[in-house]
Amino acid sequence: MPQFGRKSARDFRVLKNVLFVTVSSVFLASCGGGALFSGGSSGGSSPSLGDRFSQLFGGKSTEVGGTQSAQATTTGGGADSELTCPMVSIRPGAATYAVGAQGKPGVGNDLAYQATITRTARSCDLANGQVSIKIGIQGRIIVGPAGAPETVEVPLRVAVVQEGVNPKPIATKVFTTTVSMGGQLNVEYSLVGEDFSYPAPSAAANDSYVFYIGFDPQALKPQPARKRR
């Protein structure tokens, strides 16, 4: 068993962060939250994604594992007035993103960094039979024993799914954000996914709609070249 007294102060901090990653990952639950259907959303420039996240969603974001609001909101009368903005859920098996050093598996001493999701938010806008959504995601990147590069790229996939006996994918899109580590061992990141929409469902079907989010490492891999005949 290793003696911590022989470790340097930096090694101890790194080990502490790795333990934090392992423990916190266990408690990640598939929940999120945010705003309901609205007539529009605030815009304007902001100095950082974190500020933009706050501007768009304010205090309507929810920590992972928190309780989401699901109240109905009037959007102009008719059946559409009963629609609500679907709940946010983390895709099973996609709650964390571990990257190893030099192409190695992201485990043990080969772990370069691990990203997690800590807070989510959503906003929906109904117009001309289309639901335009904004998905806000906040999380943390924690450096592992192998050390992280100066910048890391975080790939996140958002999918609209109609749950049921046979779940039906409605729409999906990948969003990425580049995070500057700046030599730190624990860095927060924010991402706001926009320009994403899907056909407005009926009020009855809307209750079974879910926004699934999760890390998608495959999105960063180059697609194989098509063979010529």
Protein backbone atom coordinates (compact mmCIF):
# COMPACT_ATOMS: atom_id res chain seq x y z
CA MET A 1 0.00 0.00 0.00
CA PRO A 2 1.54 3.35 -0.96
CA GLN A 3 2.61 5.81 1.74
CA PHE A 4 1.05 9.23 1.13
CA GLY A 5 3.79 10.85 3.20
CA ARG A 6 6.24 10.20 0.38
CA LYS A 7 4.12 11.90 -2.26
CA SER A 8 4.60 15.49 -3.30
CA ALA A 9 1.89 18.07 -2.68
CA ARG A 10 0.97 18.09 -6.37
CA ASP A 11 0.63 14.32 -6.54
CA PHE A 12 -1.67 14.40 -3.53
CA ARG A 13 -3.89 17.06 -5.15
CA VAL A 14 -4.12 15.00 -8.35
CA LEU A 15 -5.01 11.86 -6.40
CA LYS A 16 -7.67 13.77 -4.49
CA ASN A 17 -9.24 14.98 -7.74
CA VAL A 18 -9.28 11.45 -9.18
CA LEU A 19 -11.06 10.18 -6.08
CA PHE A 20 -13.55 13.04 -6.43
CA VAL A 21 -14.24 12.02 -10.05
CA THR A 22 -14.88 8.42 -9.05
CA VAL A 23 -17.23 9.29 -6.21
CA SER A 24 -19.14 12.05 -7.98
CA SER A 25 -19.74 9.86 -11.05
CA VAL A 26 -21.70 7.38 -8.94
CA PHE A 27 -24.19 10.02 -7.92
CA LEU A 28 -24.91 11.37 -11.41
CA ALA A 29 -28.63 10.84 -12.00
CA SER A 30 -30.54 11.20 -15.25
CA CYS A 31 -32.26 14.50 -14.54
CA GLY A 32 -32.05 18.14 -15.65
CA GLY A 33 -34.31 21.13 -15.88
CA GLY A 34 -35.09 24.49 -17.36
CA ALA A 35 -37.62 26.88 -18.78
CA LEU A 36 -40.91 26.05 -20.46
CA PHE A 37 -42.34 27.21 -23.81
CA SER A 38 -41.84 30.94 -24.26
CA GLY A 39 -42.53 33.62 -26.82
CA GLY A 40 -38.82 34.20 -27.31
CA SER A 41 -35.46 34.20 -25.60
CA SER A 42 -32.96 36.86 -24.67
CA GLY A 43 -30.04 37.40 -27.01
CA GLY A 44 -27.03 39.66 -27.20
CA SER A 45 -23.33 39.04 -26.92
CA SER A 46 -21.67 37.82 -23.74
CA PRO A 47 -18.03 37.53 -22.70
CA SER A 48 -18.22 33.81 -21.96
CA LEU A 49 -20.37 30.72 -22.42
CA GLY A 50 -20.98 30.66 -18.68
CA ASP A 51 -22.47 34.16 -18.85
CA ARG A 52 -24.52 33.18 -21.91
CA PHE A 53 -25.86 30.16 -20.03
CA SER A 54 -26.99 32.48 -17.21
CA GLN A 55 -28.48 35.04 -19.60
CA LEU A 56 -30.56 32.44 -21.47
CA PHE A 57 -31.73 30.36 -18.54
CA GLY A 58 -31.18 32.49 -15.44
CA GLY A 59 -32.19 30.65 -12.29
CA LYS A 60 -34.22 28.08 -14.27
CA SER A 61 -31.38 25.58 -14.60
CA THR A 62 -31.34 22.47 -12.45
CA GLU A 63 -28.53 20.51 -10.88
CA VAL A 64 -28.17 16.91 -12.00
CA GLY A 65 -30.40 14.90 -9.71
CA GLY A 66 -32.72 17.86 -9.04
CA THR A 67 -36.44 18.11 -9.68
CA GLN A 68 -37.61 19.68 -12.92
CA SER A 69 -40.64 21.83 -13.57
CA ALA A 70 -43.19 20.49 -16.07
CA GLN A 71 -46.03 23.01 -16.04
CA ALA A 72 -48.13 23.63 -19.14
CA THR A 73 -47.73 26.95 -20.92
CA THR A 74 -50.11 28.65 -23.34
CA THR A 75 -48.53 29.36 -26.72
CA GLY A 76 -51.41 30.71 -28.77
CA GLY A 77 -54.50 28.60 -28.29
CA GLY A 78 -55.70 25.27 -29.68
CA ALA A 79 -54.17 21.89 -28.92
CA ASP A 80 -50.68 23.37 -28.94
CA SER A 81 -51.50 25.40 -25.83
CA GLU A 82 -51.21 22.19 -23.79
CA LEU A 83 -47.63 21.46 -24.85
CA THR A 84 -44.79 21.59 -22.34
CA CYS A 85 -41.03 21.63 -22.80
CA PRO A 86 -39.87 18.01 -22.38
CA MET A 87 -37.77 16.92 -19.45
CA VAL A 88 -33.98 16.58 -19.73
CA SER A 89 -32.42 13.21 -18.94
CA ILE A 90 -28.82 11.99 -19.12
CA ARG A 91 -28.39 9.05 -21.46
CA PRO A 92 -27.45 5.84 -19.58
CA GLY A 93 -23.75 5.17 -19.91
CA ALA A 94 -23.02 8.70 -21.19
CA ALA A 95 -22.86 10.68 -17.95
CA THR A 96 -19.05 10.90 -17.91
CA TYR A 97 -16.31 11.27 -20.50
CA ALA A 98 -12.92 9.81 -19.57
CA VAL A 99 -9.90 10.33 -21.82
CA GLY A 100 -6.59 8.52 -21.47
CA ALA A 101 -3.11 9.78 -22.28
CA GLN A 102 -1.69 9.02 -25.73
CA GLY A 103 -4.66 6.96 -26.87
CA LYS A 104 -4.67 4.74 -23.80
CA PRO A 105 -7.89 3.83 -21.94
CA GLY A 106 -8.94 6.55 -19.52
CA VAL A 107 -8.53 4.51 -16.34
CA GLY A 108 -6.10 4.41 -13.41
CA ASN A 109 -2.80 6.21 -13.86
CA ASP A 110 -3.45 6.57 -17.62
CA LEU A 111 -6.44 8.89 -17.01
CA ALA A 112 -5.69 12.30 -18.54
CA TYR A 113 -8.98 13.96 -17.62
CA GLN A 114 -12.65 13.23 -17.03
CA ALA A 115 -15.64 15.42 -17.80
CA THR A 116 -18.98 15.29 -16.00
CA ILE A 117 -22.36 17.03 -16.28
CA THR A 118 -23.48 18.97 -13.22
CA ARG A 119 -26.34 21.24 -14.35
CA THR A 120 -28.78 21.39 -17.26
CA ALA A 121 -31.46 23.72 -18.59
CA ARG A 122 -33.80 23.89 -21.56
CA SER A 123 -35.99 26.41 -23.32
CA CYS A 124 -38.64 25.75 -26.00
CA ASP A 125 -40.27 28.08 -28.50
CA LEU A 126 -43.21 26.97 -30.66
CA ALA A 127 -43.74 28.62 -34.05
CA ASN A 128 -45.18 27.44 -37.38
CA GLY A 129 -45.54 23.85 -36.24
CA GLN A 130 -41.88 23.58 -35.17
CA VAL A 131 -40.43 23.44 -31.67
CA SER A 132 -37.12 25.30 -31.49
CA ILE A 133 -35.08 24.39 -28.44
CA LYS A 134 -32.03 25.63 -26.56
CA ILE A 135 -30.22 23.16 -24.33
CA GLY A 136 -27.84 24.45 -21.68
CA ILE A 137 -25.25 22.14 -20.16
CA GLN A 138 -22.72 22.90 -17.44
CA GLY A 139 -20.13 20.54 -16.04
CA ARG A 140 -16.58 20.06 -14.82
CA ILE A 141 -13.34 18.71 -16.23
CA ILE A 142 -11.07 17.14 -13.64
CA VAL A 143 -7.45 16.36 -14.44
CA GLY A 144 -6.21 12.81 -13.87
CA PRO A 145 -2.79 11.40 -12.95
CA ALA A 146 -1.52 11.47 -16.56
CA GLY A 147 -2.21 15.20 -16.90
CA ALA A 148 -4.47 17.00 -19.37
CA PRO A 149 -3.46 19.04 -22.45
CA GLU A 150 -3.77 22.82 -22.52
CA THR A 151 -7.17 22.58 -24.26
CA VAL A 152 -9.70 19.77 -24.35
CA GLU A 153 -12.70 19.28 -26.61
CA VAL A 154 -15.98 18.16 -25.05
CA PRO A 155 -18.49 16.42 -27.36
CA LEU A 156 -22.12 16.32 -26.25
CA ARG A 157 -25.10 14.84 -28.10
CA VAL A 158 -28.68 16.02 -27.66
CA ALA A 159 -31.49 13.74 -28.82
CA VAL A 160 -35.25 14.18 -28.83
CA VAL A 161 -36.89 10.80 -28.21
CA GLN A 162 -40.51 9.72 -27.94
CA GLU A 163 -40.47 7.10 -25.20
CA GLY A 164 -42.69 4.01 -25.29
CA VAL A 165 -42.54 0.27 -25.83
CA ASN A 166 -40.43 1.02 -28.90
CA PRO A 167 -38.64 4.37 -28.32
CA LYS A 168 -38.74 6.57 -31.40
CA PRO A 169 -35.86 8.97 -32.17
CA ILE A 170 -37.23 12.29 -33.38
CA ALA A 171 -34.13 14.45 -33.85
CA THR A 172 -30.50 14.51 -32.73
CA LYS A 173 -27.54 16.87 -32.92
CA VAL A 174 -23.96 16.96 -31.64
CA PHE A 175 -22.53 20.05 -29.95
CA THR A 176 -18.88 20.52 -28.99
CA THR A 177 -17.06 23.06 -26.87
CA THR A 178 -13.34 23.66 -26.44
CA VAL A 179 -12.19 24.24 -22.87
CA SER A 180 -8.91 25.92 -21.91
CA MET A 181 -7.42 24.21 -18.86
CA GLY A 182 -4.85 26.89 -18.06
CA GLY A 183 -2.81 24.53 -15.91
CA GLN A 184 -5.71 24.02 -13.49
CA LEU A 185 -6.79 20.66 -12.08
CA ASN A 186 -10.53 21.41 -11.97
CA VAL A 187 -12.22 23.56 -14.64
CA GLU A 188 -15.92 24.34 -15.18
CA TYR A 189 -17.34 24.44 -18.72
CA SER A 190 -20.62 25.62 -20.23
CA LEU A 191 -22.34 24.86 -23.52
CA VAL A 192 -25.52 26.27 -25.05
CA GLY A 193 -26.88 24.16 -27.92
CA GLU A 194 -29.01 26.17 -30.36
CA ASP A 195 -30.33 25.97 -33.95
CA PHE A 196 -32.10 22.72 -33.11
CA SER A 197 -35.76 22.00 -33.78
CA TYR A 198 -38.29 19.22 -34.33
CA PRO A 199 -41.92 18.97 -35.54
CA ALA A 200 -44.44 19.90 -32.85
CA PRO A 201 -46.18 16.73 -31.55
CA SER A 202 -49.77 16.37 -30.43
CA ALA A 203 -50.52 17.18 -26.79
CA ALA A 204 -50.99 13.47 -26.04
CA ALA A 205 -47.68 12.46 -27.63
CA ASN A 206 -45.81 15.37 -26.07
CA ASP A 207 -46.02 13.79 -22.61
CA SER A 208 -43.77 10.96 -23.76
CA TYR A 209 -41.07 13.21 -25.29
CA VAL A 210 -37.68 13.41 -23.56
CA PHE A 211 -34.51 15.41 -24.24
CA TYR A 212 -31.59 13.00 -23.80
CA ILE A 213 -28.10 14.43 -23.38
CA GLY A 214 -24.76 12.70 -22.96
CA PHE A 215 -21.13 12.64 -24.01
CA ASP A 216 -20.48 11.21 -27.48
CA PRO A 217 -16.75 10.50 -28.04
CA GLN A 218 -17.51 9.05 -31.49
CA ALA A 219 -18.45 12.54 -32.68
CA LEU A 220 -14.79 13.60 -32.44
CA LYS A 221 -13.47 10.72 -34.53
CA PRO A 222 -13.00 11.35 -38.27
CA GLN A 223 -15.37 9.41 -40.47
CA PRO A 224 -13.71 6.65 -42.53
CA ALA A 225 -13.13 7.52 -46.17
CA ARG A 226 -15.54 5.94 -48.61
CA LYS A 227 -13.93 3.33 -50.82
CA ARG A 228 -13.85 4.06 -54.52
CA ARG A 229 -15.29 1.51 -56.82
